[in-house]
Amino acid sequence: MPASPLPSARADRTARAGLMLAGILLLAANLRASITSAGPVLGEIRADLGFGSAAASFLIALPVIGFAVFSPFAPALARRVGLEWALGGSLLVLAGAIILRSLPVPGAIWVGTVGLGAAIAILNVLIPALVKREYPHRVGAMTGIYSALQSGVAAVAAGLAVPIAGMTAAGWRLSIGVWAALALIGFAVFLPQLRRRHTVMEGRQDAAADAVVDPPIPRLGSMWRNRLAWWVTIYLGLQSTIYYTVITWWPAIERSSGVSPLAAGWHQFIFQTMGIVGSLVGAALLHRLHSQSGLTVIAAALVTVAAAGQLLLPAWGIVWILFLGLAGGSQITIALSLFGLRTHNHEHAASLSGMAQSVGYLLAAFGPILVGVLHDATGSWEVPLTMLLIISIGIAAFGVLAGRPRFIEDTGRL
């Protein structure tokens, strides 16, 4: 009879699994807090630094643009230094960037914001790859958990921004700088993973083993010629466009229909809270379904009803924001899960994630800008809301294409 594993070995594996789970959750907790903490104190930032409306809008959009610019480099970085080192190093860069943008140094807020966007771009791309490697049969569940945590921390950061700013004379600088501590805590918990000397070799051996049975698509360039990769990319981009449009413009849309600023602010809190619910519900359903296409259609239908409802029955605004929150949470969980569900290994998942988040967040960055331009040109919110209706139809169409149970490696090129 083979000898059973020693208790110490079992304990080591349990400890490592626990630290890995805690590390993934803390990585996720750092994805949005430093972004959502800036919006509520933007007025103070503008007054202190003398920013106009255009400069302030660009400052808020800059991290999302950074996602698009830096995401393509994440897979190559992971291959070069290892997945853990790329993630851990990004947390340190994030902490430094958060501190830098809060310093009273000319230009620091711009340089720090660019660094923040770059660090989060790497984290955005590589966390799904880490989930694919560590939990290959629980991709949807794990993605839902970390997406829900990401939304929860984002809501807390937004809610605490103004109270923290009022605590000391440091004001908004403390409010946006304090989140460097969360990045450093995440790095400390993730630190044991950096001691694994076999990480890079494991990745290469896994890729070699997969190459025996699967057409190899380990690099980003090959993804750009893959049809299914584009369906996933466009799905991520369109649903992200809705999300960033809602957090940017929905309060203004509601106020134009008579909703008070206080109520519109609470509606944003409800939106983020329902996003947590949507993430958990989406995660619970993902692996119970043979295809994710039906789930994408249901989520897109919620967006359609919400946009049409706000256009026709604005007095029911609380209902529409509930629908948008549920849709947003479930859609981001589906989109991030597709990186693992549509690939055979974590290297391919990283490559797909890099492509999808580069193009997707480029769409997301310019979506709210287009909404603002349409509003200024027409003087009303009818045309922008109609645009959201059209986008929701596109989400359903590309969700059906991306949600069918296939793999990137088995799909033909464009």
Protein backbone atom coordinates (compact mmCIF):
# COMPACT_ATOMS: atom_id res chain seq x y z
CA MET A 1 0.00 0.00 0.00
CA PRO A 2 1.37 3.46 -0.85
CA ALA A 3 2.22 5.58 2.11
CA SER A 4 -0.30 8.27 2.92
CA PRO A 5 0.90 11.89 2.81
CA LEU A 6 2.51 13.07 6.00
CA PRO A 7 0.37 15.38 8.14
CA SER A 8 2.97 18.12 7.72
CA ALA A 9 2.77 17.82 3.93
CA ARG A 10 -1.01 18.04 4.02
CA ALA A 11 -0.79 21.03 6.33
CA ASP A 12 1.68 22.73 3.96
CA ARG A 13 -0.65 22.20 1.00
CA THR A 14 -3.60 23.52 2.99
CA ALA A 15 -1.63 26.58 4.09
CA ARG A 16 -0.47 27.26 0.54
CA ALA A 17 -4.03 26.92 -0.79
CA GLY A 18 -5.28 29.31 1.87
CA LEU A 19 -2.59 31.87 1.14
CA MET A 20 -3.23 31.58 -2.60
CA LEU A 21 -6.95 32.20 -2.11
CA ALA A 22 -6.26 35.15 0.20
CA GLY A 23 -3.73 36.48 -2.30
CA ILE A 24 -6.21 36.31 -5.20
CA LEU A 25 -8.87 38.07 -3.16
CA LEU A 26 -6.47 40.85 -2.14
CA LEU A 27 -5.33 41.23 -5.74
CA ALA A 28 -8.98 41.69 -6.69
CA ALA A 29 -9.57 44.14 -3.84
CA ASN A 30 -6.93 46.44 -5.37
CA LEU A 31 -8.46 46.56 -8.86
CA ARG A 32 -10.87 49.48 -8.42
CA ALA A 33 -10.47 51.13 -4.99
CA SER A 34 -7.82 53.60 -6.15
CA ILE A 35 -10.06 54.60 -9.07
CA THR A 36 -13.44 54.96 -7.36
CA SER A 37 -11.91 56.90 -4.46
CA ALA A 38 -11.01 59.80 -6.78
CA GLY A 39 -14.44 60.62 -8.22
CA PRO A 40 -16.14 61.79 -4.99
CA VAL A 41 -13.31 64.24 -4.22
CA LEU A 42 -12.82 65.42 -7.80
CA GLY A 43 -14.28 68.82 -6.91
CA GLU A 44 -11.62 69.32 -4.24
CA ILE A 45 -8.90 68.16 -6.63
CA ARG A 46 -10.08 70.62 -9.28
CA ALA A 47 -10.22 73.51 -6.81
CA ASP A 48 -6.77 72.75 -5.38
CA LEU A 49 -4.96 72.14 -8.67
CA GLY A 50 -6.94 74.55 -10.84
CA PHE A 51 -8.21 71.92 -13.28
CA GLY A 52 -10.94 72.72 -15.77
CA SER A 53 -13.73 70.32 -16.67
CA ALA A 54 -11.82 68.81 -19.59
CA ALA A 55 -8.68 68.14 -17.52
CA ALA A 56 -10.74 66.65 -14.69
CA SER A 57 -12.64 64.37 -17.07
CA PHE A 58 -9.39 63.22 -18.65
CA LEU A 59 -7.91 62.52 -15.22
CA ILE A 60 -10.82 60.19 -14.39
CA ALA A 61 -10.63 58.50 -17.81
CA LEU A 62 -6.83 58.10 -17.75
CA PRO A 63 -6.73 54.79 -15.77
CA VAL A 64 -9.18 53.17 -18.21
CA ILE A 65 -7.09 54.38 -21.15
CA GLY A 66 -4.10 52.90 -19.34
CA PHE A 67 -5.88 49.54 -19.22
CA ALA A 68 -6.15 49.61 -23.00
CA VAL A 69 -2.53 50.70 -23.57
CA PHE A 70 -0.75 48.39 -21.12
CA SER A 71 -2.90 45.23 -21.21
CA PRO A 72 -1.19 43.75 -24.31
CA PHE A 73 2.16 43.67 -22.48
CA ALA A 74 0.92 41.58 -19.54
CA PRO A 75 1.17 38.09 -21.10
CA ALA A 76 4.75 38.68 -22.28
CA LEU A 77 5.70 40.02 -18.85
CA ALA A 78 4.26 36.92 -17.18
CA ARG A 79 6.17 34.63 -19.55
CA ARG A 80 9.39 36.49 -18.86
CA VAL A 81 9.33 36.81 -15.06
CA GLY A 82 6.61 34.35 -14.06
CA LEU A 83 2.96 34.86 -13.24
CA GLU A 84 3.48 35.43 -9.51
CA TRP A 85 6.30 37.92 -9.94
CA ALA A 86 4.32 39.91 -12.50
CA LEU A 87 1.35 40.11 -10.14
CA GLY A 88 3.40 40.87 -7.03
CA GLY A 89 5.48 43.49 -8.81
CA SER A 90 2.32 45.16 -10.09
CA LEU A 91 1.06 45.52 -6.52
CA LEU A 92 4.28 47.32 -5.55
CA VAL A 93 4.03 49.60 -8.60
CA LEU A 94 0.40 50.27 -7.72
CA ALA A 95 1.29 51.24 -4.15
CA GLY A 96 4.05 53.58 -5.38
CA ALA A 97 1.77 55.15 -8.00
CA ILE A 98 -1.02 55.77 -5.47
CA ILE A 99 1.43 57.50 -3.13
CA LEU A 100 2.98 59.51 -5.97
CA ARG A 101 -0.32 60.91 -7.23
CA SER A 102 -1.20 62.11 -3.72
CA LEU A 103 2.03 64.08 -3.23
CA PRO A 104 2.07 67.90 -3.52
CA VAL A 105 4.55 67.78 -6.39
CA PRO A 106 3.82 69.39 -9.78
CA GLY A 107 2.72 66.77 -12.30
CA ALA A 108 2.76 63.96 -9.74
CA ILE A 109 -0.96 63.36 -10.01
CA TRP A 110 -0.64 62.71 -13.75
CA VAL A 111 2.42 60.47 -13.54
CA GLY A 112 0.95 58.57 -10.59
CA THR A 113 -2.36 58.05 -12.39
CA VAL A 114 -0.58 56.66 -15.45
CA GLY A 115 1.41 54.28 -13.23
CA LEU A 116 -1.77 53.27 -11.46
CA GLY A 117 -3.46 52.46 -14.77
CA ALA A 118 -0.45 50.42 -15.92
CA ALA A 119 -0.30 48.38 -12.71
CA ILE A 120 -4.02 47.64 -12.66
CA ALA A 121 -3.90 46.71 -16.36
CA ILE A 122 -1.38 43.96 -15.57
CA LEU A 123 -3.48 42.76 -12.64
CA ASN A 124 -6.66 42.83 -14.75
CA VAL A 125 -5.11 40.60 -17.40
CA LEU A 126 -3.21 38.13 -15.23
CA ILE A 127 -5.66 37.42 -12.40
CA PRO A 128 -7.95 35.42 -14.76
CA ALA A 129 -4.88 33.43 -15.86
CA LEU A 130 -3.97 32.71 -12.23
CA VAL A 131 -7.55 31.59 -11.54
CA LYS A 132 -7.44 29.35 -14.62
CA ARG A 133 -4.22 27.73 -13.41
CA GLU A 134 -5.17 27.29 -9.76
CA TYR A 135 -8.89 26.52 -10.18
CA PRO A 136 -9.29 25.09 -13.71
CA HIS A 137 -12.65 23.49 -12.91
CA ARG A 138 -14.04 26.37 -10.83
CA VAL A 139 -13.27 29.33 -13.06
CA GLY A 140 -16.79 30.78 -12.96
CA ALA A 141 -17.21 30.44 -9.19
CA MET A 142 -13.84 31.98 -8.37
CA THR A 143 -14.32 34.78 -10.90
CA GLY A 144 -17.69 35.60 -9.36
CA ILE A 145 -16.22 35.73 -5.87
CA TYR A 146 -13.35 38.03 -6.78
CA SER A 147 -15.58 40.19 -9.00
CA ALA A 148 -18.03 40.62 -6.12
CA LEU A 149 -15.18 41.56 -3.77
CA GLN A 150 -13.82 43.98 -6.36
CA SER A 151 -17.23 45.70 -6.58
CA GLY A 152 -17.65 45.74 -2.80
CA VAL A 153 -14.30 47.37 -2.13
CA ALA A 154 -14.91 49.85 -4.96
CA ALA A 155 -18.19 50.89 -3.33
CA VAL A 156 -16.55 51.23 0.09
CA ALA A 157 -13.70 53.31 -1.34
CA ALA A 158 -16.17 55.66 -3.01
CA GLY A 159 -18.26 55.92 0.14
CA LEU A 160 -15.30 56.68 2.42
CA ALA A 161 -13.59 59.17 0.11
CA VAL A 162 -15.32 62.31 1.38
CA PRO A 163 -15.25 61.35 5.11
CA ILE A 164 -11.53 60.54 4.92
CA ALA A 165 -10.84 63.82 3.11
CA GLY A 166 -12.49 65.70 5.96
CA MET A 167 -10.44 64.02 8.69
CA THR A 168 -7.23 66.01 8.35
CA ALA A 169 -5.72 69.02 6.62
CA ALA A 170 -4.30 66.64 4.00
CA GLY A 171 -7.84 66.46 2.55
CA TRP A 172 -8.17 64.75 -0.81
CA ARG A 173 -4.51 63.75 -0.85
CA LEU A 174 -5.04 61.48 2.15
CA SER A 175 -8.33 60.24 0.70
CA ILE A 176 -6.76 58.92 -2.50
CA GLY A 177 -3.36 58.06 -0.98
CA VAL A 178 -4.58 55.82 1.84
CA TRP A 179 -5.34 52.99 -0.59
CA ALA A 180 -1.62 52.37 -1.05
CA ALA A 181 -1.87 50.50 2.25
CA LEU A 182 -4.28 47.99 0.69
CA ALA A 183 -1.79 47.32 -2.13
CA LEU A 184 1.04 46.78 0.37
CA ILE A 185 -1.11 44.41 2.43
CA GLY A 186 -1.91 42.49 -0.74
CA PHE A 187 1.79 42.24 -1.58
CA ALA A 188 2.61 41.01 1.93
CA VAL A 189 0.02 38.22 1.71
CA PHE A 190 1.07 37.33 -1.85
CA LEU A 191 4.79 37.38 -0.95
CA PRO A 192 5.09 33.62 -0.17
CA GLN A 193 4.02 32.85 -3.76
CA LEU A 194 7.10 34.70 -5.08
CA ARG A 195 9.36 32.11 -3.46
CA ARG A 196 8.16 29.35 -5.77
CA ARG A 197 11.15 28.82 -8.00
CA HIS A 198 9.30 26.41 -10.31
CA THR A 199 6.54 28.79 -11.37
CA VAL A 200 7.88 29.70 -14.80
CA MET A 201 8.91 26.14 -15.61
CA GLU A 202 5.47 24.90 -14.61
CA GLY A 203 3.91 27.32 -17.04
CA ARG A 204 6.22 26.24 -19.84
CA GLN A 205 5.70 22.53 -19.13
CA ASP A 206 1.93 23.01 -19.05
CA ALA A 207 2.04 24.83 -22.37
CA ALA A 208 4.20 22.10 -23.90
CA ALA A 209 1.86 19.39 -22.68
CA ASP A 210 -1.16 21.22 -24.05
CA ALA A 211 0.59 21.72 -27.38
CA VAL A 212 0.56 17.95 -27.93
CA VAL A 213 -3.22 17.93 -28.30
CA ASP A 214 -4.10 21.57 -28.96
CA PRO A 215 -3.02 24.01 -31.65
CA PRO A 216 -0.67 26.32 -29.72
CA ILE A 217 -1.85 29.88 -29.30
CA PRO A 218 0.38 31.10 -26.47
CA ARG A 219 1.08 34.57 -27.79
CA LEU A 220 -1.13 37.58 -28.16
CA GLY A 221 -0.47 38.05 -31.87
CA SER A 222 -2.19 34.79 -32.76
CA MET A 223 -5.27 35.83 -30.83
CA TRP A 224 -5.83 38.83 -33.09
CA ARG A 225 -6.53 36.47 -35.99
CA ASN A 226 -8.91 34.22 -34.06
CA ARG A 227 -12.64 34.60 -34.59
CA LEU A 228 -13.79 33.47 -31.12
CA ALA A 229 -11.20 35.73 -29.48
CA TRP A 230 -12.81 38.69 -31.21
CA TRP A 231 -16.30 37.70 -30.05
CA VAL A 232 -15.06 37.58 -26.46
CA THR A 233 -13.22 40.88 -26.90
CA ILE A 234 -16.18 42.77 -28.31
CA TYR A 235 -18.48 41.34 -25.64
CA LEU A 236 -16.15 42.57 -22.90
CA GLY A 237 -15.83 45.98 -24.56
CA LEU A 238 -19.54 46.58 -25.00
CA GLN A 239 -20.52 45.54 -21.50
CA SER A 240 -17.68 47.66 -20.07
CA THR A 241 -18.95 50.63 -22.10
CA ILE A 242 -22.31 50.34 -20.34
CA TYR A 243 -20.66 50.08 -16.92
CA TYR A 244 -18.41 53.13 -17.29
CA THR A 245 -21.21 55.15 -18.89
CA VAL A 246 -23.50 54.41 -15.94
CA ILE A 247 -20.95 55.39 -13.28
CA THR A 248 -20.03 58.52 -15.25
CA TRP A 249 -23.37 59.85 -16.51
CA TRP A 250 -26.31 58.09 -14.85
CA PRO A 251 -26.52 60.54 -11.91
CA ALA A 252 -26.75 63.43 -14.40
CA ILE A 253 -29.35 61.54 -16.43
CA GLU A 254 -31.44 60.99 -13.30
CA ARG A 255 -31.08 64.58 -12.08
CA SER A 256 -32.38 65.83 -15.45
CA SER A 257 -35.62 63.96 -14.71
CA GLY A 258 -36.07 65.55 -11.27
CA VAL A 259 -34.12 63.17 -9.00
CA SER A 260 -32.28 64.98 -6.19
CA PRO A 261 -28.47 64.86 -6.07
CA LEU A 262 -28.66 62.93 -2.78
CA ALA A 263 -30.99 60.31 -4.24
CA ALA A 264 -28.85 59.99 -7.38
CA GLY A 265 -25.83 59.37 -5.16
CA TRP A 266 -27.65 56.65 -3.24
CA HIS A 267 -28.69 55.11 -6.55
CA GLN A 268 -25.01 54.75 -7.43
CA PHE A 269 -24.46 52.92 -4.14
CA ILE A 270 -27.38 50.64 -4.99
CA PHE A 271 -25.88 50.09 -8.45
CA GLN A 272 -22.58 48.92 -6.95
CA THR A 273 -24.34 46.77 -4.34
CA MET A 274 -26.52 45.06 -6.91
CA GLY A 275 -23.36 44.49 -8.93
CA ILE A 276 -22.12 42.28 -6.09
CA VAL A 277 -25.39 40.32 -6.19
CA GLY A 278 -25.15 40.02 -9.98
CA SER A 279 -21.57 38.74 -9.77
CA LEU A 280 -22.50 36.02 -7.27
CA VAL A 281 -25.62 34.98 -9.19
CA GLY A 282 -23.68 34.86 -12.45
CA ALA A 283 -20.95 32.77 -10.85
CA ALA A 284 -23.51 30.33 -9.41
CA LEU A 285 -25.10 29.80 -12.82
CA LEU A 286 -22.04 29.73 -15.09
CA HIS A 287 -20.92 26.15 -14.52
CA ARG A 288 -24.45 24.79 -14.33
CA LEU A 289 -25.02 25.79 -17.92
CA HIS A 290 -23.58 23.98 -20.92
CA SER A 291 -23.54 27.29 -22.78
CA GLN A 292 -23.24 30.80 -21.38
CA SER A 293 -25.12 32.34 -24.32
CA GLY A 294 -28.53 32.33 -22.63
CA LEU A 295 -27.13 34.03 -19.54
CA THR A 296 -25.56 36.79 -21.66
CA VAL A 297 -28.92 37.42 -23.36
CA ILE A 298 -30.76 37.70 -20.02
CA ALA A 299 -28.20 40.17 -18.68
CA ALA A 300 -28.33 42.21 -21.90
CA ALA A 301 -32.13 42.25 -21.69
CA LEU A 302 -31.89 43.85 -18.24
CA VAL A 303 -29.78 46.65 -19.75
CA THR A 304 -32.31 47.08 -22.58
CA VAL A 305 -35.23 47.33 -20.17
CA ALA A 306 -33.32 49.76 -17.93
CA ALA A 307 -32.35 52.10 -20.77
CA ALA A 308 -35.85 52.00 -22.28
CA GLY A 309 -37.39 52.46 -18.84
CA GLN A 310 -35.28 55.51 -18.03
CA LEU A 311 -36.26 56.93 -21.41
CA LEU A 312 -40.01 56.30 -21.05
CA LEU A 313 -40.66 56.04 -17.28
CA PRO A 314 -37.92 58.01 -15.48
CA ALA A 315 -40.01 58.14 -12.29
CA TRP A 316 -39.22 54.43 -11.80
CA GLY A 317 -35.50 55.19 -11.66
CA ILE A 318 -34.83 52.97 -8.66
CA VAL A 319 -36.07 49.94 -10.65
CA TRP A 320 -33.84 50.73 -13.61
CA ILE A 321 -30.72 51.14 -11.46
CA LEU A 322 -31.47 47.77 -9.82
CA PHE A 323 -31.60 46.17 -13.27
CA LEU A 324 -28.37 47.89 -14.35
CA GLY A 325 -26.57 46.73 -11.22
CA LEU A 326 -27.64 43.10 -11.65
CA ALA A 327 -26.71 43.20 -15.32
CA GLY A 328 -23.35 44.86 -14.72
CA GLY A 329 -22.26 42.41 -12.04
CA SER A 330 -23.26 39.33 -13.99
CA GLN A 331 -21.80 40.60 -17.27
CA ILE A 332 -18.34 41.36 -15.90
CA THR A 333 -18.28 37.94 -14.22
CA ILE A 334 -19.23 36.26 -17.49
CA ALA A 335 -16.71 38.30 -19.48
CA LEU A 336 -13.79 37.55 -17.14
CA SER A 337 -14.78 33.88 -16.87
CA LEU A 338 -14.72 33.51 -20.65
CA PHE A 339 -10.94 33.95 -20.62
CA GLY A 340 -10.65 30.64 -18.78
CA LEU A 341 -13.73 28.91 -20.17
CA ARG A 342 -12.70 29.43 -23.79
CA THR A 343 -9.06 28.32 -23.42
CA HIS A 344 -7.28 25.09 -22.50
CA ASN A 345 -4.53 26.49 -20.26
CA HIS A 346 -3.53 29.55 -18.27
CA GLU A 347 -1.05 30.91 -20.84
CA HIS A 348 -3.73 30.98 -23.50
CA ALA A 349 -6.11 32.55 -20.96
CA ALA A 350 -3.55 35.30 -20.31
CA SER A 351 -3.14 35.98 -24.04
CA LEU A 352 -6.91 36.17 -24.58
CA SER A 353 -7.26 38.38 -21.51
CA GLY A 354 -4.55 40.74 -22.79
CA MET A 355 -6.21 41.17 -26.16
CA ALA A 356 -9.76 41.48 -24.85
CA GLN A 357 -8.94 43.97 -22.12
CA SER A 358 -6.81 46.11 -24.43
CA VAL A 359 -9.53 46.60 -27.03
CA GLY A 360 -12.39 46.33 -24.54
CA TYR A 361 -11.21 49.07 -22.24
CA LEU A 362 -10.40 51.29 -25.19
CA LEU A 363 -14.10 51.08 -26.09
CA ALA A 364 -15.04 51.63 -22.46
CA ALA A 365 -12.88 54.75 -22.19
CA PHE A 366 -14.43 56.47 -25.18
CA GLY A 367 -18.01 55.31 -24.62
CA PRO A 368 -18.75 57.89 -21.89
CA ILE A 369 -17.00 60.56 -23.95
CA LEU A 370 -19.34 59.83 -26.88
CA VAL A 371 -22.34 60.00 -24.54
CA GLY A 372 -21.22 63.43 -23.36
CA VAL A 373 -20.71 64.64 -26.92
CA LEU A 374 -24.18 63.43 -27.94
CA HIS A 375 -25.75 65.15 -24.95
CA ASP A 376 -23.98 68.43 -25.69
CA ALA A 377 -24.95 68.23 -29.35
CA THR A 378 -28.63 67.47 -28.75
CA GLY A 379 -29.25 69.12 -25.38
CA SER A 380 -31.06 66.06 -24.05
CA TRP A 381 -30.44 62.50 -22.88
CA GLU A 382 -32.76 60.82 -25.39
CA VAL A 383 -30.10 60.14 -28.01
CA PRO A 384 -27.51 58.86 -25.49
CA LEU A 385 -30.11 56.51 -23.95
CA THR A 386 -31.02 55.30 -27.43
CA MET A 387 -27.33 54.61 -28.00
CA LEU A 388 -27.29 52.47 -24.85
CA LEU A 389 -30.28 50.54 -26.20
CA ILE A 390 -28.37 49.79 -29.40
CA ILE A 391 -25.28 48.75 -27.42
CA SER A 392 -27.40 46.36 -25.32
CA ILE A 393 -28.52 44.61 -28.51
CA GLY A 394 -24.87 44.28 -29.52
CA ILE A 395 -24.06 42.81 -26.08
CA ALA A 396 -26.72 40.14 -26.60
CA ALA A 397 -25.50 39.30 -30.12
CA PHE A 398 -21.81 38.99 -29.25
CA GLY A 399 -22.68 37.31 -25.95
CA VAL A 400 -24.40 34.53 -27.88
CA LEU A 401 -21.34 34.10 -30.11
CA ALA A 402 -18.85 34.19 -27.21
CA GLY A 403 -20.98 32.08 -24.90
CA ARG A 404 -21.15 28.95 -27.03
CA PRO A 405 -19.11 26.04 -25.54
CA ARG A 406 -16.00 26.11 -27.72
CA PHE A 407 -12.29 26.73 -27.27
CA ILE A 408 -10.04 29.32 -28.86
CA GLU A 409 -7.61 26.57 -29.84
CA ASP A 410 -10.31 24.78 -31.85
CA THR A 411 -11.73 27.83 -33.61
CA GLY A 412 -10.80 29.02 -37.09
CA ARG A 413 -9.18 32.30 -37.93
CA LEU A 414 -10.89 35.35 -39.41
